[in-house]
C-alpha cells in the first residue's frame, strides 16, 4: 500500500502527467481534464484523475528534486501499475536559441545527482526518454507550430549552485536547459520497463537572467501540457494486461 499516495486501486490511470508543483497539477486537472476528481492530498501533493479526449489520464504533483520525484514514481509504478509517465515542468534555458515559454523536449538527461552514483557504483548510466513518446511529442509540437527544441537537459540536485562557472561547460557540450527531476524519472522508467518523457517550458534564462513569475510558471505553460497529453494518447501502452 502506498504511504504517500492515498488513491484506491483503480483510481490512477495508466497514463500520468507529473508536474513538480502540486498547484500546477490542480491547474492542469481543471483546465485540461474532464470530470477530474482529486485522489490525493497527502502532504499537500495533489493528484487528480479525469479524461482527455475520452481516455483516462491522471496528474500528480511530485515536489522539487529527484529524491522527491523518486518517491512518487516508485509508488505510482509499483502500487498503481502506471505505464506512461510524462514530466511537465519548468526549466532554465542555457542556449540563446531558447526564449521564455519555449518548450524543451528532453531526449536525454545528464545529472550531478549522487542517486545514480550509488545505484550504479561508478558506472555512468545514460538516462534517456522513451523514443515513441519523444517522437509523438515532437509531432504534436510541430502540428501546433509551437517553438521547441529537442536535446539534452541537465537534472541538477541544486537550485542555487556554488560553482556557477560550470554552466559554461554545459553550454559547450550542447545542453539546452537545467531542471531537477528528469534523470531520475528516466532511470526508474528504464528499471521498470515503463515509458517516460520530460517536456519542460523555459521559465527563466540562466545566461541572460530574464525570468517568468511564480504565477506564470504555475498557470501559463499550456503548450507543453497539450503536447504531453497528445503524445501519451498516440502511444500504445506497453503492458495493458497489467493496468489496474
Protein backbone atom coordinates (compact mmCIF):
# COMPACT_ATOMS: atom_id res chain seq x y z
CA UNK A 1 0.00 0.00 0.00
CA UNK A 2 1.36 3.41 -0.93
CA UNK A 3 2.28 5.62 2.03
CA UNK A 4 2.50 8.88 0.08
CA UNK A 5 -0.46 8.47 -2.30
CA UNK A 6 -3.96 7.92 -0.89
CA UNK A 7 -5.58 6.59 -4.07
CA UNK A 8 -7.55 3.36 -4.01
CA UNK A 9 -6.75 0.67 -6.61
CA UNK A 10 -8.06 1.77 -10.00
CA UNK A 11 -8.21 5.48 -9.16
CA UNK A 12 -5.00 6.31 -11.02
CA UNK A 13 -4.91 6.00 -14.81
CA UNK A 14 -2.14 4.14 -16.67
CA UNK A 15 -1.10 7.46 -18.25
CA UNK A 16 0.03 10.24 -15.92
CA UNK A 17 1.42 13.77 -16.07
CA UNK A 18 3.99 14.72 -13.45
CA UNK A 19 4.37 18.43 -12.67
CA UNK A 20 6.59 19.25 -9.72
CA UNK A 21 4.21 21.88 -8.37
CA UNK A 22 1.00 20.39 -6.89
CA UNK A 23 -0.86 23.60 -7.74
CA UNK A 24 0.13 23.11 -11.37
CA UNK A 25 -1.38 19.62 -11.08
CA UNK A 26 -4.63 21.24 -9.91
CA UNK A 27 -4.48 23.78 -12.76
CA UNK A 28 -3.93 21.02 -15.32
CA UNK A 29 -6.82 18.97 -13.94
CA UNK A 30 -9.17 21.96 -14.01
CA UNK A 31 -8.21 23.17 -17.48
CA UNK A 32 -7.35 20.06 -19.49
CA UNK A 33 -9.19 17.09 -17.97
CA UNK A 34 -12.92 16.43 -18.00
CA UNK A 35 -14.66 15.23 -14.83
CA UNK A 36 -11.42 15.40 -12.84
CA UNK A 37 -11.53 14.08 -9.27
CA UNK A 38 -8.87 14.50 -6.60
CA UNK A 39 -7.46 11.21 -5.32
CA UNK A 40 -4.57 12.53 -3.22
CA UNK A 41 -3.94 15.31 -0.73
CA UNK A 42 -1.26 13.61 1.38
CA UNK A 43 1.45 16.16 2.30
CA UNK A 44 -0.34 18.63 0.01
CA UNK A 45 0.91 16.76 -3.05
CA UNK A 46 -2.27 16.88 -5.09
CA UNK A 47 -3.26 14.18 -7.57
CA UNK A 48 -6.25 14.01 -9.93
CA UNK A 49 -7.78 11.65 -12.48
CA UNK A 50 -10.06 12.71 -15.32
CA UNK A 51 -10.40 12.17 -19.04
CA UNK A 52 -8.79 13.74 -22.08
CA UNK A 53 -10.42 13.04 -25.45
CA UNK A 54 -12.30 10.20 -23.83
CA UNK A 55 -9.21 8.49 -22.32
CA UNK A 56 -8.46 8.34 -18.60
CA UNK A 57 -5.43 10.40 -17.59
CA UNK A 58 -4.04 11.31 -14.18
CA UNK A 59 -1.86 14.18 -12.99
CA UNK A 60 0.28 14.00 -9.86
CA UNK A 61 2.49 16.61 -8.20
CA UNK A 62 5.95 15.26 -7.36
CA UNK A 63 7.68 18.09 -5.48
CA UNK A 64 11.12 19.54 -6.17
CA UNK A 65 14.19 17.45 -6.89
CA UNK A 66 15.00 13.87 -7.80
CA UNK A 67 14.59 12.35 -4.31
CA UNK A 68 11.04 13.69 -4.08
CA UNK A 69 10.11 12.62 -7.61
CA UNK A 70 11.61 9.19 -6.95
CA UNK A 71 9.16 8.55 -4.09
CA UNK A 72 6.12 9.24 -6.23
CA UNK A 73 7.32 7.48 -9.38
CA UNK A 74 8.31 4.35 -7.44
CA UNK A 75 4.88 4.18 -5.82
CA UNK A 76 2.98 5.03 -9.00
CA UNK A 77 4.69 2.16 -10.77
CA UNK A 78 4.79 -0.46 -8.01
CA UNK A 79 1.43 0.24 -6.36
CA UNK A 80 -0.68 1.57 -9.23
CA UNK A 81 0.91 -0.01 -12.35
CA UNK A 82 1.25 3.32 -14.16
CA UNK A 83 2.60 2.72 -17.68
CA UNK A 84 3.38 6.14 -19.16
CA UNK A 85 4.87 8.98 -17.11
CA UNK A 86 5.47 12.41 -18.61
CA UNK A 87 7.05 15.18 -16.59
CA UNK A 88 5.64 18.62 -17.40
CA UNK A 89 7.84 21.13 -15.64
CA UNK A 90 9.84 24.31 -15.89
CA UNK A 91 13.47 24.71 -16.82
CA UNK A 92 16.20 27.30 -17.06
CA UNK A 93 17.48 27.81 -20.60
CA UNK A 94 21.20 27.67 -21.39
CA UNK A 95 21.14 28.46 -25.10
CA UNK A 96 20.26 31.66 -26.93
CA UNK A 97 18.09 29.54 -29.22
CA UNK A 98 15.52 29.37 -26.41
CA UNK A 99 13.36 32.18 -25.11
CA UNK A 100 10.85 32.42 -22.26
CA UNK A 101 7.96 29.94 -22.60
CA UNK A 102 9.66 27.97 -25.38
CA UNK A 103 9.45 24.21 -24.92
CA UNK A 104 12.28 21.71 -24.43
CA UNK A 105 11.57 18.06 -25.21
CA UNK A 106 14.26 16.10 -23.38
CA UNK A 107 15.84 13.33 -25.41
CA UNK A 108 18.28 12.65 -22.58
CA UNK A 109 19.12 13.95 -19.11
CA UNK A 110 22.58 14.35 -17.64
CA UNK A 111 22.86 14.84 -13.89
CA UNK A 112 25.12 15.70 -10.97
CA UNK A 113 22.94 13.68 -8.60
CA UNK A 114 24.51 11.12 -6.29
CA UNK A 115 21.48 8.85 -6.70
CA UNK A 116 22.87 7.14 -9.81
CA UNK A 117 26.40 7.22 -8.39
CA UNK A 118 25.22 4.97 -5.56
CA UNK A 119 22.86 2.98 -7.74
CA UNK A 120 25.46 2.06 -10.40
CA UNK A 121 28.59 2.12 -8.22
CA UNK A 122 30.74 4.20 -10.50
CA UNK A 123 29.19 3.35 -13.88
CA UNK A 124 27.64 6.14 -15.92
CA UNK A 125 24.02 5.44 -16.89
CA UNK A 126 22.55 7.15 -19.99
CA UNK A 127 19.17 8.44 -18.82
CA UNK A 128 17.09 8.66 -22.00
CA UNK A 129 13.46 9.20 -22.94
CA UNK A 130 11.11 6.65 -24.43
CA UNK A 131 11.52 7.04 -28.19
CA UNK A 132 7.84 6.61 -29.07
CA UNK A 133 6.70 9.25 -26.57
CA UNK A 134 9.51 11.51 -27.75
CA UNK A 135 8.54 11.10 -31.40
CA UNK A 136 4.88 11.72 -30.71
CA UNK A 137 5.65 14.81 -28.62
CA UNK A 138 7.73 16.27 -31.45
CA UNK A 139 4.91 15.58 -33.88
CA UNK A 140 2.46 17.32 -31.52
CA UNK A 141 4.77 20.33 -31.20
CA UNK A 142 5.16 20.59 -34.96
CA UNK A 143 1.41 20.27 -35.53
CA UNK A 144 0.79 23.10 -33.06
CA UNK A 145 3.60 25.20 -34.57
CA UNK A 146 4.99 25.56 -31.05
CA UNK A 147 8.55 26.82 -30.62
CA UNK A 148 10.54 23.88 -29.27
CA UNK A 149 13.94 22.22 -29.20
CA UNK A 150 14.81 18.54 -28.73
CA UNK A 151 18.02 17.57 -26.97
CA UNK A 152 19.83 17.02 -23.68
CA UNK A 153 18.90 18.67 -20.42
CA UNK A 154 20.71 18.71 -17.07
CA UNK A 155 18.97 17.46 -13.92
CA UNK A 156 20.65 19.27 -11.06
CA UNK A 157 20.49 18.43 -7.37
CA UNK A 158 20.98 22.12 -6.53
CA UNK A 159 18.81 25.10 -7.39
CA UNK A 160 21.48 27.53 -6.15
CA UNK A 161 24.86 26.38 -7.42
CA UNK A 162 28.10 27.02 -5.54
CA UNK A 163 30.01 26.75 -8.84
CA UNK A 164 28.13 28.81 -11.45
CA UNK A 165 31.13 28.60 -13.77
CA UNK A 166 30.12 25.02 -14.58
CA UNK A 167 27.27 26.44 -16.65
CA UNK A 168 29.79 27.24 -19.37
CA UNK A 169 30.76 23.56 -19.58
CA UNK A 170 27.14 22.51 -20.03
CA UNK A 171 26.74 25.09 -22.79
CA UNK A 172 29.93 23.86 -24.50
CA UNK A 173 28.50 20.34 -24.65
CA UNK A 174 25.17 21.40 -26.11
CA UNK A 175 22.97 21.04 -23.03
CA UNK A 176 19.79 23.01 -23.67
CA UNK A 177 18.44 23.66 -20.20
CA UNK A 178 18.60 22.87 -16.48
CA UNK A 179 15.87 21.33 -14.32
CA UNK A 180 15.79 18.99 -11.31
CA UNK A 181 13.90 15.75 -11.97
CA UNK A 182 14.15 14.15 -15.42
CA UNK A 183 17.25 11.98 -14.95
CA UNK A 184 15.67 10.04 -12.09
CA UNK A 185 12.38 9.69 -13.98
CA UNK A 186 14.20 8.19 -16.98
CA UNK A 187 16.28 5.89 -14.80
CA UNK A 188 13.28 4.48 -12.94
CA UNK A 189 11.36 4.04 -16.17
CA UNK A 190 14.25 2.03 -17.59
CA UNK A 191 14.40 -0.13 -14.46
CA UNK A 192 10.69 -0.95 -14.57
CA UNK A 193 10.23 -1.08 -18.37
CA UNK A 194 7.95 1.95 -18.43
CA UNK A 195 7.69 4.78 -20.95
CA UNK A 196 8.82 8.19 -19.72
CA UNK A 197 9.40 11.64 -21.15
CA UNK A 198 10.15 15.11 -19.82
CA UNK A 199 8.73 18.19 -21.51
CA UNK A 200 9.74 21.47 -19.92
CA UNK A 201 8.81 25.09 -20.54
CA UNK A 202 11.50 27.74 -20.20
CA UNK A 203 10.70 29.75 -17.07
CA UNK A 204 13.98 31.67 -16.95
CA UNK A 205 17.25 32.02 -18.81
CA UNK A 206 20.36 31.09 -16.86
CA UNK A 207 22.66 33.13 -19.09
CA UNK A 208 20.62 36.30 -19.68
CA UNK A 209 18.78 36.37 -16.34
CA UNK A 210 15.26 37.00 -17.72
CA UNK A 211 12.50 35.07 -15.94
CA UNK A 212 8.78 34.49 -15.55
CA UNK A 213 6.79 34.98 -12.35
CA UNK A 214 5.73 32.19 -9.98
CA UNK A 215 2.12 32.54 -11.13
CA UNK A 216 3.16 32.30 -14.78
CA UNK A 217 5.14 29.13 -14.01
CA UNK A 218 2.09 27.65 -12.34
CA UNK A 219 -0.59 28.59 -14.85
CA UNK A 220 0.67 29.61 -18.31
CA UNK A 221 2.53 26.59 -19.59
CA UNK A 222 -0.33 25.11 -21.59
CA UNK A 223 1.56 24.19 -24.79
CA UNK A 224 3.65 21.52 -23.09
CA UNK A 225 0.59 20.02 -21.37
CA UNK A 226 -1.23 19.61 -24.68
CA UNK A 227 1.92 18.11 -26.27
CA UNK A 228 2.26 15.65 -23.40
CA UNK A 229 -1.38 14.58 -23.48
CA UNK A 230 -1.41 14.15 -27.25
CA UNK A 231 1.86 12.20 -27.15
CA UNK A 232 0.56 9.82 -24.49
CA UNK A 233 -2.71 9.11 -26.24
CA UNK A 234 -0.87 8.44 -29.52
CA UNK A 235 1.49 5.95 -27.83
CA UNK A 236 0.21 2.42 -27.10
CA UNK A 237 0.60 1.13 -23.55
CA UNK A 238 3.38 -1.43 -23.19
CA UNK A 239 1.71 -3.63 -20.58
CA UNK A 240 -2.04 -3.21 -20.94
CA UNK A 241 -2.61 -6.52 -19.19
CA UNK A 242 -1.02 -5.08 -16.02
CA UNK A 243 -3.20 -1.96 -15.84
CA UNK A 244 -5.11 -1.93 -12.53
